[in-house]
PDB file of N, CA and C in Angstrom:
ATOM      1  N   MET A   1      35.668 111.932  78.727  1.00  0.00           N
ATOM      2  CA  MET A   1      35.173 113.852  78.640  1.00  0.00           C
ATOM      3  C   MET A   1      35.109 113.996  77.401  1.00  0.00           C
ATOM      4  N   ALA A   2      34.841 115.658  76.926  1.00  0.00           N
ATOM      5  CA  ALA A   2      34.439 116.203  75.908  1.00  0.00           C
ATOM      6  C   ALA A   2      36.065 116.911  75.620  1.00  0.00           C
ATOM      7  N   ASP A   3      36.452 117.027  74.757  1.00  0.00           N
ATOM      8  CA  ASP A   3      37.534 118.015  74.142  1.00  0.00           C
ATOM      9  C   ASP A   3      37.351 119.192  74.325  1.00  0.00           C
ATOM     10  N   PRO A   4      38.228 119.839  75.023  1.00  0.00           N
ATOM     11  CA  PRO A   4      37.942 121.439  74.769  1.00  0.00           C
ATOM     12  C   PRO A   4      37.934 121.819  73.981  1.00  0.00           C
ATOM     13  N   LYS A   5      38.661 121.577  72.652  1.00  0.00           N
ATOM     14  CA  LYS A   5      38.942 122.362  71.292  1.00  0.00           C
ATOM     15  C   LYS A   5      37.461 122.238  70.860  1.00  0.00           C
ATOM     16  N   HIS A   6      37.012 120.752  70.642  1.00  0.00           N
ATOM     17  CA  HIS A   6      35.003 120.563  70.198  1.00  0.00           C
ATOM     18  C   HIS A   6      34.779 121.307  70.821  1.00  0.00           C
ATOM     19  N   LEU A   7      34.535 121.390  72.118  1.00  0.00           N
ATOM     20  CA  LEU A   7      33.263 122.091  73.032  1.00  0.00           C
ATOM     21  C   LEU A   7      33.550 123.805  72.285  1.00  0.00           C
ATOM     22  N   ASP A   8      34.505 124.404  72.044  1.00  0.00           N
ATOM     23  CA  ASP A   8      35.117 125.806  72.093  1.00  0.00           C
ATOM     24  C   ASP A   8      34.593 125.662  70.385  1.00  0.00           C
ATOM     25  N   GLN A   9      34.064 125.002  69.218  1.00  0.00           N
ATOM     26  CA  GLN A   9      34.129 124.999  68.688  1.00  0.00           C
ATOM     27  C   GLN A   9      32.404 124.498  68.296  1.00  0.00           C
ATOM     28  N   ILE A  10      32.065 123.692  69.559  1.00  0.00           N
ATOM     29  CA  ILE A  10      30.405 124.275  69.516  1.00  0.00           C
ATOM     30  C   ILE A  10      29.926 125.508  69.984  1.00  0.00           C
ATOM     31  N   THR A  11      30.761 125.720  70.958  1.00  0.00           N
ATOM     32  CA  THR A  11      30.146 127.166  71.534  1.00  0.00           C
ATOM     33  C   THR A  11      30.370 128.188  70.675  1.00  0.00           C
ATOM     34  N   GLU A  12      31.188 128.170  69.019  1.00  0.00           N
ATOM     35  CA  GLU A  12      31.220 129.633  68.729  1.00  0.00           C
ATOM     36  C   GLU A  12      30.172 129.231  67.356  1.00  0.00           C
ATOM     37  N   ARG A  13      29.759 128.493  67.269  1.00  0.00           N
ATOM     38  CA  ARG A  13      28.841 128.002  66.443  1.00  0.00           C
ATOM     39  C   ARG A  13      27.342 127.905  67.263  1.00  0.00           C
ATOM     40  N   VAL A  14      27.126 127.280  67.958  1.00  0.00           N
ATOM     41  CA  VAL A  14      26.327 128.367  68.525  1.00  0.00           C
ATOM     42  C   VAL A  14      25.913 129.613  69.027  1.00  0.00           C
ATOM     43  N   GLU A  15      26.848 130.453  69.264  1.00  0.00           N
ATOM     44  CA  GLU A  15      26.842 131.841  69.337  1.00  0.00           C
ATOM     45  C   GLU A  15      26.923 132.181  67.790  1.00  0.00           C
ATOM     46  N   ARG A  16      27.230 132.091  66.942  1.00  0.00           N
ATOM     47  CA  ARG A  16      27.030 132.337  65.600  1.00  0.00           C
ATOM     48  C   ARG A  16      25.448 132.048  65.083  1.00  0.00           C
ATOM     49  N   LEU A  17      25.056 131.273  65.576  1.00  0.00           N
ATOM     50  CA  LEU A  17      23.686 130.686  65.315  1.00  0.00           C
ATOM     51  C   LEU A  17      22.661 131.337  65.608  1.00  0.00           C
ATOM     52  N   LEU A  18      22.926 132.053  67.193  1.00  0.00           N
ATOM     53  CA  LEU A  18      22.138 132.741  67.715  1.00  0.00           C
ATOM     54  C   LEU A  18      22.214 134.196  66.705  1.00  0.00           C
ATOM     55  N   LEU A  19      23.297 134.654  66.804  1.00  0.00           N
ATOM     56  CA  LEU A  19      23.139 136.243  65.939  1.00  0.00           C
ATOM     57  C   LEU A  19      22.661 135.736  64.576  1.00  0.00           C
ATOM     58  N   ARG A  20      22.718 135.409  63.783  1.00  0.00           N
ATOM     59  CA  ARG A  20      21.783 134.946  62.866  1.00  0.00           C
ATOM     60  C   ARG A  20      20.508 135.368  62.757  1.00  0.00           C
ATOM     61  N   HIS A  21      20.059 134.240  63.972  1.00  0.00           N
ATOM     62  CA  HIS A  21      18.670 134.390  64.080  1.00  0.00           C
ATOM     63  C   HIS A  21      18.170 135.488  64.542  1.00  0.00           C
ATOM     64  N   GLU A  22      19.046 136.590  65.244  1.00  0.00           N
ATOM     65  CA  GLU A  22      18.571 137.493  65.800  1.00  0.00           C
ATOM     66  C   GLU A  22      18.617 138.327  64.619  1.00  0.00           C
ATOM     67  N   GLU A  23      19.555 138.681  63.514  1.00  0.00           N
ATOM     68  CA  GLU A  23      19.272 139.175  61.885  1.00  0.00           C
ATOM     69  C   GLU A  23      18.082 139.117  61.316  1.00  0.00           C
ATOM     70  N   LEU A  24      18.071 137.155  61.347  1.00  0.00           N
ATOM     71  CA  LEU A  24      16.918 137.333  60.479  1.00  0.00           C
ATOM     72  C   LEU A  24      15.490 137.343  61.446  1.00  0.00           C
ATOM     73  N   GLN A  25      15.902 137.702  62.475  1.00  0.00           N
ATOM     74  CA  GLN A  25      14.247 138.643  63.435  1.00  0.00           C
ATOM     75  C   GLN A  25      14.516 139.936  63.365  1.00  0.00           C
ATOM     76  N   ARG A  26      15.658 140.563  62.832  1.00  0.00           N
ATOM     77  CA  ARG A  26      15.100 142.013  62.345  1.00  0.00           C
ATOM     78  C   ARG A  26      14.805 142.210  61.292  1.00  0.00           C
ATOM     79  N   THR A  27      15.613 141.090  60.817  1.00  0.00           N
ATOM     80  CA  THR A  27      14.731 141.280  58.438  1.00  0.00           C
ATOM     81  C   THR A  27      13.784 141.176  58.694  1.00  0.00           C
ATOM     82  N   ASN A  28      13.119 139.999  59.311  1.00  0.00           N
ATOM     83  CA  ASN A  28      11.787 139.555  59.394  1.00  0.00           C
ATOM     84  C   ASN A  28      10.390 140.658  59.945  1.00  0.00           C
ATOM     85  N   THR A  29      10.933 141.349  61.256  1.00  0.00           N
ATOM     86  CA  THR A  29      10.535 142.648  61.763  1.00  0.00           C
ATOM     87  C   THR A  29      10.472 143.555  60.498  1.00  0.00           C
ATOM     88  N   LEU A  30      11.734 143.724  59.463  1.00  0.00           N
ATOM     89  CA  LEU A  30      11.334 145.041  58.733  1.00  0.00           C
ATOM     90  C   LEU A  30      10.848 145.343  57.637  1.00  0.00           C
ATOM     91  N   LEU A  31      10.775 143.640  57.135  1.00  0.00           N
ATOM     92  CA  LEU A  31       9.652 142.923  56.251  1.00  0.00           C
ATOM     93  C   LEU A  31       8.112 143.353  56.397  1.00  0.00           C
ATOM     94  N   HIS A  32       7.758 142.831  58.047  1.00  0.00           N
ATOM     95  CA  HIS A  32       6.945 143.102  57.789  1.00  0.00           C
ATOM     96  C   HIS A  32       6.319 144.325  57.656  1.00  0.00           C
ATOM     97  N   GLN A  33       7.030 145.256  58.568  1.00  0.00           N
ATOM     98  CA  GLN A  33       6.475 146.491  58.514  1.00  0.00           C
ATOM     99  C   GLN A  33       6.566 147.126  57.291  1.00  0.00           C
ATOM    100  N   GLN A  34       7.502 146.578  56.290  1.00  0.00           N
ATOM    101  CA  GLN A  34       7.416 147.293  54.330  1.00  0.00           C
ATOM    102  C   GLN A  34       5.894 145.992  54.165  1.00  0.00           C
ATOM    103  N   VAL A  35       5.574 144.814  54.542  1.00  0.00           N
ATOM    104  CA  VAL A  35       4.195 144.391  53.779  1.00  0.00           C
ATOM    105  C   VAL A  35       3.372 145.755  54.202  1.00  0.00           C
ATOM    106  N   LEU A  36       3.248 145.802  55.328  1.00  0.00           N
ATOM    107  CA  LEU A  36       2.156 146.862  56.287  1.00  0.00           C
ATOM    108  C   LEU A  36       2.048 147.506  55.432  1.00  0.00           C
ATOM    109  N   ALA A  37       3.123 148.165  55.454  1.00  0.00           N
ATOM    110  CA  ALA A  37       2.741 150.205  54.461  1.00  0.00           C
ATOM    111  C   ALA A  37       2.426 149.834  52.920  1.00  0.00           C
ATOM    112  N   LEU A  38       2.810 148.623  52.492  1.00  0.00           N
ATOM    113  CA  LEU A  38       2.179 148.255  51.477  1.00  0.00           C
ATOM    114  C   LEU A  38       0.780 148.047  51.496  1.00  0.00           C
ATOM    115  N   GLN A  39       0.344 147.563  51.921  1.00  0.00           N
ATOM    116  CA  GLN A  39      -1.083 146.824  52.411  1.00  0.00           C
ATOM    117  C   GLN A  39      -1.651 148.494  52.385  1.00  0.00           C
ATOM    118  N   THR A  40      -1.708 148.884  53.222  1.00  0.00           N
ATOM    119  CA  THR A  40      -1.996 150.584  53.168  1.00  0.00           C
ATOM    120  C   THR A  40      -2.112 151.324  52.501  1.00  0.00           C
ATOM    121  N   GLU A  41      -0.464 151.198  51.431  1.00  0.00           N
ATOM    122  CA  GLU A  41      -1.078 151.953  49.915  1.00  0.00           C
ATOM    123  C   GLU A  41      -1.636 150.939  49.150  1.00  0.00           C
ATOM    124  N   ARG A  42      -1.623 150.111  48.803  1.00  0.00           N
ATOM    125  CA  ARG A  42      -2.913 149.927  48.294  1.00  0.00           C
ATOM    126  C   ARG A  42      -4.136 150.061  48.393  1.00  0.00           C
ATOM    127  N   ASP A  43      -4.417 149.750  50.055  1.00  0.00           N
ATOM    128  CA  ASP A  43      -5.878 149.925  50.126  1.00  0.00           C
ATOM    129  C   ASP A  43      -6.131 151.715  50.094  1.00  0.00           C
ATOM    130  N   SER A  44      -5.473 152.424  49.967  1.00  0.00           N
ATOM    131  CA  SER A  44      -5.576 153.826  49.386  1.00  0.00           C
ATOM    132  C   SER A  44      -5.553 154.159  47.541  1.00  0.00           C
ATOM    133  N   LEU A  45      -4.772 152.938  47.184  1.00  0.00           N
ATOM    134  CA  LEU A  45      -4.580 153.526  45.873  1.00  0.00           C
ATOM    135  C   LEU A  45      -6.190 153.019  45.407  1.00  0.00           C
ATOM    136  N   LYS A  46      -6.795 151.527  46.007  1.00  0.00           N
ATOM    137  CA  LYS A  46      -8.040 150.878  45.759  1.00  0.00           C
ATOM    138  C   LYS A  46      -9.614 151.677  45.868  1.00  0.00           C
ATOM    139  N   SER A  47      -9.292 152.990  46.781  1.00  0.00           N
ATOM    140  CA  SER A  47     -10.390 153.719  47.067  1.00  0.00           C
ATOM    141  C   SER A  47     -10.213 154.811  46.157  1.00  0.00           C
ATOM    142  N   ARG A  48      -9.032 154.958  45.999  1.00  0.00           N
ATOM    143  CA  ARG A  48      -8.949 156.414  44.561  1.00  0.00           C
ATOM    144  C   ARG A  48      -9.901 156.244  44.016  1.00  0.00           C
ATOM    145  N   LEU A  49      -8.789 154.474  43.594  1.00  0.00           N
ATOM    146  CA  LEU A  49      -9.767 153.919  41.908  1.00  0.00           C
ATOM    147  C   LEU A  49     -11.497 154.375  42.194  1.00  0.00           C
ATOM    148  N   ASN A  50     -11.694 153.395  42.952  1.00  0.00           N
ATOM    149  CA  ASN A  50     -13.303 153.405  43.220  1.00  0.00           C
ATOM    150  C   ASN A  50     -13.491 154.880  42.992  1.00  0.00           C
ATOM    151  N   ALA A  51     -13.090 155.983  44.123  1.00  0.00           N
ATOM    152  CA  ALA A  51     -13.643 157.555  43.775  1.00  0.00           C
ATOM    153  C   ALA A  51     -13.559 157.774  42.287  1.00  0.00           C
ATOM    154  N   ALA A  52     -12.309 157.829  41.603  1.00  0.00           N
ATOM    155  CA  ALA A  52     -12.520 158.046  40.194  1.00  0.00           C
ATOM    156  C   ALA A  52     -13.328 157.108  39.258  1.00  0.00           C
ATOM    157  N   ARG A  53     -13.298 156.054  39.785  1.00  0.00           N
ATOM    158  CA  ARG A  53     -15.026 155.156  38.989  1.00  0.00           C
ATOM    159  C   ARG A  53     -15.766 155.862  38.843  1.00  0.00           C
ATOM    160  N   ALA A  54     -16.351 156.067  40.584  1.00  0.00           N
ATOM    161  CA  ALA A  54     -17.444 156.416  40.496  1.00  0.00           C
ATOM    162  C   ALA A  54     -18.158 158.059  39.875  1.00  0.00           C
ATOM    163  N   ARG A  55     -16.654 158.603  39.973  1.00  0.00           N
ATOM    164  CA  ARG A  55     -16.810 160.315  38.964  1.00  0.00           C
ATOM    165  C   ARG A  55     -17.064 160.231  37.788  1.00  0.00           C
ATOM    166  N   ILE A  56     -16.290 158.731  37.048  1.00  0.00           N
ATOM    167  CA  ILE A  56     -16.342 158.837  35.539  1.00  0.00           C
ATOM    168  C   ILE A  56     -17.880 158.249  35.292  1.00  0.00           C
ATOM    169  N   ASP A  57     -18.481 157.351  36.227  1.00  0.00           N
ATOM    170  CA  ASP A  57     -19.868 157.185  36.098  1.00  0.00           C
ATOM    171  C   ASP A  57     -21.407 158.189  36.216  1.00  0.00           C
ATOM    172  N   THR A  58     -20.721 159.080  36.843  1.00  0.00           N
ATOM    173  CA  THR A  58     -21.529 159.987  36.747  1.00  0.00           C
ATOM    174  C   THR A  58     -21.455 161.160  36.004  1.00  0.00           C
ATOM    175  N   LEU A  59     -19.873 161.531  35.382  1.00  0.00           N
ATOM    176  CA  LEU A  59     -20.010 162.173  34.287  1.00  0.00           C
ATOM    177  C   LEU A  59     -20.692 161.437  32.622  1.00  0.00           C
ATOM    178  N   LEU A  60     -20.739 160.046  32.832  1.00  0.00           N
ATOM    179  CA  LEU A  60     -20.897 159.117  31.958  1.00  0.00           C
ATOM    180  C   LEU A  60     -22.285 159.586  31.657  1.00  0.00           C
ATOM    181  N   ASP A  61     -23.263 159.223  33.079  1.00  0.00           N
ATOM    182  CA  ASP A  61     -24.643 159.470  33.651  1.00  0.00           C
ATOM    183  C   ASP A  61     -25.472 160.613  32.706  1.00  0.00           C
ATOM    184  N   ARG A  62     -24.166 161.540  32.966  1.00  0.00           N
ATOM    185  CA  ARG A  62     -24.637 163.572  32.382  1.00  0.00           C
ATOM    186  C   ARG A  62     -24.185 163.159  31.037  1.00  0.00           C
ATOM    187  N   LEU A  63     -23.797 162.412  30.043  1.00  0.00           N
ATOM    188  CA  LEU A  63     -24.019 162.583  28.722  1.00  0.00           C
ATOM    189  C   LEU A  63     -25.497 161.889  28.458  1.00  0.00           C
ATOM    190  N   PRO A  64     -25.348 163.021  27.418  1.00  0.00           N
ATOM    191  CA  PRO A  64     -26.834 163.291  26.275  1.00  0.00           C
ATOM    192  C   PRO A  64     -26.872 161.463  25.960  1.00  0.00           C
ATOM    193  N   ALA A  65     -27.962 160.787  26.046  1.00  0.00           N
ATOM    194  CA  ALA A  65     -28.204 159.684  25.419  1.00  0.00           C
ATOM    195  C   ALA A  65     -28.102 159.782  23.712  1.00  0.00           C
ATOM    196  N   THR A  66     -27.824 158.066  23.641  1.00  0.00           N
ATOM    197  CA  THR A  66     -27.201 158.298  22.108  1.00  0.00           C
ATOM    198  C   THR A  66     -28.672 157.127  21.605  1.00  0.00           C
ATOM    199  N   VAL A  67     -28.309 157.757  20.182  1.00  0.00           N
ATOM    200  CA  VAL A  67     -29.276 157.131  19.391  1.00  0.00           C
ATOM    201  C   VAL A  67     -28.640 156.020  18.331  1.00  0.00           C
ATOM    202  N   ASP A  68     -28.852 155.136  17.816  1.00  0.00           N
ATOM    203  CA  ASP A  68     -28.166 153.913  17.237  1.00  0.00           C
ATOM    204  C   ASP A  68     -26.769 154.269  17.301  1.00  0.00           C
ATOM    205  N   GLY A  69     -25.914 154.204  18.441  1.00  0.00           N
ATOM    206  CA  GLY A  69     -25.019 154.802  19.155  1.00  0.00           C
ATOM    207  C   GLY A  69     -24.296 155.840  18.062  1.00  0.00           C
ATOM    208  N   HIS A  70     -24.753 156.903  18.072  1.00  0.00           N
ATOM    209  CA  HIS A  70     -24.304 158.084  18.029  1.00  0.00           C
ATOM    210  C   HIS A  70     -25.211 159.230  18.896  1.00  0.00           C
ATOM    211  N   ARG A  71     -24.302 159.821  19.253  1.00  0.00           N
ATOM    212  CA  ARG A  71     -24.733 161.531  19.861  1.00  0.00           C
ATOM    213  C   ARG A  71     -25.700 161.405  19.582  1.00  0.00           C
ATOM    214  N   LYS A  72     -27.411 162.248  20.037  1.00  0.00           N
ATOM    215  CA  LYS A  72     -28.181 162.628  19.241  1.00  0.00           C
ATOM    216  C   LYS A  72     -28.222 164.399  18.166  1.00  0.00           C
ATOM    217  N   ASP A  73     -26.925 164.960  19.402  1.00  0.00           N
ATOM    218  CA  ASP A  73     -26.431 166.258  18.971  1.00  0.00           C
ATOM    219  C   ASP A  73     -24.991 166.357  17.512  1.00  0.00           C
ATOM    220  N   SER A  74     -24.310 164.530  17.515  1.00  0.00           N
ATOM    221  CA  SER A  74     -24.264 164.941  16.286  1.00  0.00           C
ATOM    222  C   SER A  74     -24.784 164.313  14.970  1.00  0.00           C
ATOM    223  N   ALA A  75     -25.748 164.168  14.991  1.00  0.00           N
ATOM    224  CA  ALA A  75     -26.090 163.496  13.735  1.00  0.00           C
ATOM    225  C   ALA A  75     -27.255 164.646  12.956  1.00  0.00           C
TER     226      ALA A  75
END
């Protein structure tokens, strides 16, 4: 039959492992939430960047045409 002291040590270790497992699950959940938040922020920033690029392209299209790399009105 197993030594009661040895069984107590095994039981204590299993309980510590279970606690650690629960802690890691909570940490993993928090990290997953952070990843989702960062993905949302990234998507928002990409959208803003694309909108800004479109506005810049529109402004560039409105500039006067160039001749030999110089604007017509500057010659």
